[in-house]
Amino acid sequence: MGFLHILLIILAVIAVLFIVTFVIYWFNLDMKLVRKIYDKLQPHYDNLEKDRKL
């Protein structure tokens, strides 16, 4: 029973991780989070001094 119980827990964890990553992929949640972070950081980078020498 011990080995089977551990195996079922491992399979359940793998299944949950798969479902979570699939939901993140399906709803494009990673890029939505990046967009929010980008919008928060953009004013900071807009206020930095620009070096025009190329």
PDB file of N, CA and C in Angstrom:
ATOM      1  N   MET A   1       0.824  -1.195   0.000  1.00  0.00           N
ATOM      2  CA  MET A   1       0.000   0.000   0.000  1.00  0.00           C
ATOM      3  C   MET A   1       0.866   1.255   0.000  1.00  0.00           C
ATOM      4  N   GLY A   2       2.020   1.238   0.619  1.00  0.00           N
ATOM      5  CA  GLY A   2       2.851   2.424   0.704  1.00  0.00           C
ATOM      6  C   GLY A   2       3.328   2.895  -0.658  1.00  0.00           C
ATOM      7  N   PHE A   3       3.829   1.960  -1.477  1.00  0.00           N
ATOM      8  CA  PHE A   3       4.348   2.325  -2.798  1.00  0.00           C
ATOM      9  C   PHE A   3       3.231   2.815  -3.705  1.00  0.00           C
ATOM     10  N   LEU A   4       2.082   2.117  -3.671  1.00  0.00           N
ATOM     11  CA  LEU A   4       0.951   2.516  -4.514  1.00  0.00           C
ATOM     12  C   LEU A   4       0.427   3.883  -4.097  1.00  0.00           C
ATOM     13  N   HIS A   5       0.383   4.139  -2.807  1.00  0.00           N
ATOM     14  CA  HIS A   5      -0.087   5.429  -2.298  1.00  0.00           C
ATOM     15  C   HIS A   5       0.830   6.569  -2.767  1.00  0.00           C
ATOM     16  N   ILE A   6       2.121   6.353  -2.674  1.00  0.00           N
ATOM     17  CA  ILE A   6       3.084   7.367  -3.122  1.00  0.00           C
ATOM     18  C   ILE A   6       2.971   7.576  -4.630  1.00  0.00           C
ATOM     19  N   LEU A   7       2.808   6.500  -5.380  1.00  0.00           N
ATOM     20  CA  LEU A   7       2.670   6.599  -6.833  1.00  0.00           C
ATOM     21  C   LEU A   7       1.424   7.383  -7.221  1.00  0.00           C
ATOM     22  N   LEU A   8       0.325   7.149  -6.529  1.00  0.00           N
ATOM     23  CA  LEU A   8      -0.908   7.895  -6.807  1.00  0.00           C
ATOM     24  C   LEU A   8      -0.745   9.378  -6.485  1.00  0.00           C
ATOM     25  N   ILE A   9      -0.049   9.703  -5.420  1.00  0.00           N
ATOM     26  CA  ILE A   9       0.198  11.106  -5.066  1.00  0.00           C
ATOM     27  C   ILE A   9       1.046  11.771  -6.148  1.00  0.00           C
ATOM     28  N   ILE A  10       2.079  11.082  -6.606  1.00  0.00           N
ATOM     29  CA  ILE A  10       2.940  11.634  -7.656  1.00  0.00           C
ATOM     30  C   ILE A  10       2.147  11.851  -8.938  1.00  0.00           C
ATOM     31  N   LEU A  11       1.313  10.878  -9.305  1.00  0.00           N
ATOM     32  CA  LEU A  11       0.492  11.033 -10.511  1.00  0.00           C
ATOM     33  C   LEU A  11      -0.505  12.170 -10.365  1.00  0.00           C
ATOM     34  N   ALA A  12      -1.080  12.346  -9.180  1.00  0.00           N
ATOM     35  CA  ALA A  12      -2.020  13.439  -8.951  1.00  0.00           C
ATOM     36  C   ALA A  12      -1.320  14.789  -9.058  1.00  0.00           C
ATOM     37  N   VAL A  13      -0.120  14.891  -8.508  1.00  0.00           N
ATOM     38  CA  VAL A  13       0.640  16.145  -8.592  1.00  0.00           C
ATOM     39  C   VAL A  13       0.975  16.454 -10.045  1.00  0.00           C
ATOM     40  N   ILE A  14       1.396  15.463 -10.805  1.00  0.00           N
ATOM     41  CA  ILE A  14       1.710  15.669 -12.218  1.00  0.00           C
ATOM     42  C   ILE A  14       0.468  16.103 -12.980  1.00  0.00           C
ATOM     43  N   ALA A  15      -0.669  15.468 -12.693  1.00  0.00           N
ATOM     44  CA  ALA A  15      -1.914  15.832 -13.372  1.00  0.00           C
ATOM     45  C   ALA A  15      -2.322  17.268 -13.055  1.00  0.00           C
ATOM     46  N   VAL A  16      -2.210  17.666 -11.793  1.00  0.00           N
ATOM     47  CA  VAL A  16      -2.573  19.036 -11.403  1.00  0.00           C
ATOM     48  C   VAL A  16      -1.641  20.047 -12.061  1.00  0.00           C
ATOM     49  N   LEU A  17      -0.342  19.757 -12.080  1.00  0.00           N
ATOM     50  CA  LEU A  17       0.603  20.669 -12.735  1.00  0.00           C
ATOM     51  C   LEU A  17       0.315  20.787 -14.225  1.00  0.00           C
ATOM     52  N   PHE A  18      -0.043  19.675 -14.854  1.00  0.00           N
ATOM     53  CA  PHE A  18      -0.394  19.728 -16.272  1.00  0.00           C
ATOM     54  C   PHE A  18      -1.626  20.590 -16.511  1.00  0.00           C
ATOM     55  N   ILE A  19      -2.643  20.415 -15.681  1.00  0.00           N
ATOM     56  CA  ILE A  19      -3.874  21.202 -15.839  1.00  0.00           C
ATOM     57  C   ILE A  19      -3.595  22.680 -15.617  1.00  0.00           C
ATOM     58  N   VAL A  20      -2.791  23.009 -14.611  1.00  0.00           N
ATOM     59  CA  VAL A  20      -2.471  24.415 -14.336  1.00  0.00           C
ATOM     60  C   VAL A  20      -1.706  25.028 -15.501  1.00  0.00           C
ATOM     61  N   THR A  21      -0.698  24.323 -16.020  1.00  0.00           N
ATOM     62  CA  THR A  21       0.056  24.879 -17.140  1.00  0.00           C
ATOM     63  C   THR A  21      -0.795  24.968 -18.396  1.00  0.00           C
ATOM     64  N   PHE A  22      -1.716  24.039 -18.582  1.00  0.00           N
ATOM     65  CA  PHE A  22      -2.607  24.105 -19.746  1.00  0.00           C
ATOM     66  C   PHE A  22      -3.538  25.310 -19.649  1.00  0.00           C
ATOM     67  N   VAL A  23      -4.057  25.588 -18.465  1.00  0.00           N
ATOM     68  CA  VAL A  23      -4.936  26.755 -18.281  1.00  0.00           C
ATOM     69  C   VAL A  23      -4.150  28.043 -18.523  1.00  0.00           C
ATOM     70  N   ILE A  24      -2.912  28.104 -18.037  1.00  0.00           N
ATOM     71  CA  ILE A  24      -2.068  29.280 -18.281  1.00  0.00           C
ATOM     72  C   ILE A  24      -1.856  29.463 -19.778  1.00  0.00           C
ATOM     73  N   TYR A  25      -1.593  28.373 -20.500  1.00  0.00           N
ATOM     74  CA  TYR A  25      -1.387  28.437 -21.948  1.00  0.00           C
ATOM     75  C   TYR A  25      -2.686  28.818 -22.665  1.00  0.00           C
ATOM     76  N   TRP A  26      -3.780  28.200 -22.309  1.00  0.00           N
ATOM     77  CA  TRP A  26      -5.046  28.387 -23.018  1.00  0.00           C
ATOM     78  C   TRP A  26      -5.528  29.837 -22.932  1.00  0.00           C
ATOM     79  N   PHE A  27      -5.408  30.444 -21.752  1.00  0.00           N
ATOM     80  CA  PHE A  27      -5.886  31.804 -21.561  1.00  0.00           C
ATOM     81  C   PHE A  27      -4.788  32.848 -21.715  1.00  0.00           C
ATOM     82  N   ASN A  28      -3.589  32.433 -22.141  1.00  0.00           N
ATOM     83  CA  ASN A  28      -2.470  33.343 -22.395  1.00  0.00           C
ATOM     84  C   ASN A  28      -2.150  34.188 -21.157  1.00  0.00           C
ATOM     85  N   LEU A  29      -2.223  33.569 -19.992  1.00  0.00           N
ATOM     86  CA  LEU A  29      -2.058  34.301 -18.739  1.00  0.00           C
ATOM     87  C   LEU A  29      -0.629  34.778 -18.527  1.00  0.00           C
ATOM     88  N   ASP A  30       0.346  34.080 -19.090  1.00  0.00           N
ATOM     89  CA  ASP A  30       1.729  34.515 -18.915  1.00  0.00           C
ATOM     90  C   ASP A  30       1.963  35.856 -19.588  1.00  0.00           C
ATOM     91  N   MET A  31       1.449  36.041 -20.800  1.00  0.00           N
ATOM     92  CA  MET A  31       1.651  37.309 -21.498  1.00  0.00           C
ATOM     93  C   MET A  31       0.796  38.420 -20.895  1.00  0.00           C
ATOM     94  N   LYS A  32      -0.336  38.078 -20.322  1.00  0.00           N
ATOM     95  CA  LYS A  32      -1.144  39.090 -19.641  1.00  0.00           C
ATOM     96  C   LYS A  32      -0.413  39.614 -18.404  1.00  0.00           C
ATOM     97  N   LEU A  33       0.258  38.715 -17.686  1.00  0.00           N
ATOM     98  CA  LEU A  33       1.052  39.133 -16.533  1.00  0.00           C
ATOM     99  C   LEU A  33       2.235  39.992 -16.971  1.00  0.00           C
ATOM    100  N   VAL A  34       2.907  39.587 -18.042  1.00  0.00           N
ATOM    101  CA  VAL A  34       4.042  40.365 -18.556  1.00  0.00           C
ATOM    102  C   VAL A  34       3.572  41.751 -18.979  1.00  0.00           C
ATOM    103  N   ARG A  35       2.405  41.855 -19.585  1.00  0.00           N
ATOM    104  CA  ARG A  35       1.881  43.160 -20.015  1.00  0.00           C
ATOM    105  C   ARG A  35       1.642  44.069 -18.811  1.00  0.00           C
ATOM    106  N   LYS A  36       1.091  43.522 -17.725  1.00  0.00           N
ATOM    107  CA  LYS A  36       0.862  44.334 -16.521  1.00  0.00           C
ATOM    108  C   LYS A  36       2.184  44.819 -15.931  1.00  0.00           C
ATOM    109  N   ILE A  37       3.181  43.935 -15.891  1.00  0.00           N
ATOM    110  CA  ILE A  37       4.498  44.321 -15.377  1.00  0.00           C
ATOM    111  C   ILE A  37       5.116  45.376 -16.283  1.00  0.00           C
ATOM    112  N   TYR A  38       5.003  45.200 -17.592  1.00  0.00           N
ATOM    113  CA  TYR A  38       5.538  46.153 -18.558  1.00  0.00           C
ATOM    114  C   TYR A  38       4.891  47.529 -18.375  1.00  0.00           C
ATOM    115  N   ASP A  39       3.572  47.553 -18.193  1.00  0.00           N
ATOM    116  CA  ASP A  39       2.883  48.831 -18.005  1.00  0.00           C
ATOM    117  C   ASP A  39       3.322  49.534 -16.722  1.00  0.00           C
ATOM    118  N   LYS A  40       3.635  48.761 -15.684  1.00  0.00           N
ATOM    119  CA  LYS A  40       4.101  49.372 -14.431  1.00  0.00           C
ATOM    120  C   LYS A  40       5.529  49.902 -14.566  1.00  0.00           C
ATOM    121  N   LEU A  41       6.380  49.221 -15.356  1.00  0.00           N
ATOM    122  CA  LEU A  41       7.777  49.618 -15.483  1.00  0.00           C
ATOM    123  C   LEU A  41       8.008  50.696 -16.549  1.00  0.00           C
ATOM    124  N   GLN A  42       7.109  50.847 -17.489  1.00  0.00           N
ATOM    125  CA  GLN A  42       7.308  51.770 -18.599  1.00  0.00           C
ATOM    126  C   GLN A  42       7.540  53.216 -18.155  1.00  0.00           C
ATOM    127  N   PRO A  43       6.801  53.764 -17.209  1.00  0.00           N
ATOM    128  CA  PRO A  43       7.090  55.146 -16.781  1.00  0.00           C
ATOM    129  C   PRO A  43       8.512  55.319 -16.241  1.00  0.00           C
ATOM    130  N   HIS A  44       9.021  54.314 -15.554  1.00  0.00           N
ATOM    131  CA  HIS A  44      10.388  54.399 -15.041  1.00  0.00           C
ATOM    132  C   HIS A  44      11.387  54.518 -16.187  1.00  0.00           C
ATOM    133  N   TYR A  45      11.239  53.693 -17.197  1.00  0.00           N
ATOM    134  CA  TYR A  45      12.176  53.715 -18.315  1.00  0.00           C
ATOM    135  C   TYR A  45      11.981  54.944 -19.207  1.00  0.00           C
ATOM    136  N   ASP A  46      10.778  55.499 -19.224  1.00  0.00           N
ATOM    137  CA  ASP A  46      10.547  56.727 -19.978  1.00  0.00           C
ATOM    138  C   ASP A  46      11.281  57.908 -19.340  1.00  0.00           C
ATOM    139  N   ASN A  47      11.467  57.877 -18.023  1.00  0.00           N
ATOM    140  CA  ASN A  47      12.096  58.991 -17.320  1.00  0.00           C
ATOM    141  C   ASN A  47      13.613  58.889 -17.252  1.00  0.00           C
ATOM    142  N   LEU A  48      14.200  57.810 -17.715  1.00  0.00           N
ATOM    143  CA  LEU A  48      15.656  57.691 -17.703  1.00  0.00           C
ATOM    144  C   LEU A  48      16.277  58.594 -18.760  1.00  0.00           C
ATOM    145  N   GLU A  49      17.485  59.073 -18.462  1.00  0.00           N
ATOM    146  CA  GLU A  49      18.201  59.872 -19.459  1.00  0.00           C
ATOM    147  C   GLU A  49      18.579  59.009 -20.639  1.00  0.00           C
ATOM    148  N   LYS A  50      18.427  59.562 -21.817  1.00  0.00           N
ATOM    149  CA  LYS A  50      18.725  58.815 -23.041  1.00  0.00           C
ATOM    150  C   LYS A  50      20.132  59.191 -23.517  1.00  0.00           C
ATOM    151  N   ASP A  51      20.907  58.191 -23.868  1.00  0.00           N
ATOM    152  CA  ASP A  51      22.219  58.415 -24.453  1.00  0.00           C
ATOM    153  C   ASP A  51      22.078  58.339 -25.965  1.00  0.00           C
ATOM    154  N   ARG A  52      22.248  59.463 -26.620  1.00  0.00           N
ATOM    155  CA  ARG A  52      21.998  59.543 -28.058  1.00  0.00           C
ATOM    156  C   ARG A  52      23.205  59.120 -28.896  1.00  0.00           C
ATOM    157  N   LYS A  53      24.353  58.893 -28.275  1.00  0.00           N
ATOM    158  CA  LYS A  53      25.530  58.495 -29.032  1.00  0.00           C
ATOM    159  C   LYS A  53      25.411  57.035 -29.454  1.00  0.00           C
ATOM    160  N   LEU A  54      25.554  56.798 -30.716  1.00  0.00           N
ATOM    161  CA  LEU A  54      25.482  55.427 -31.219  1.00  0.00           C
ATOM    162  C   LEU A  54      26.819  55.012 -31.789  1.00  0.00           C
TER     163      LEU A  54
END
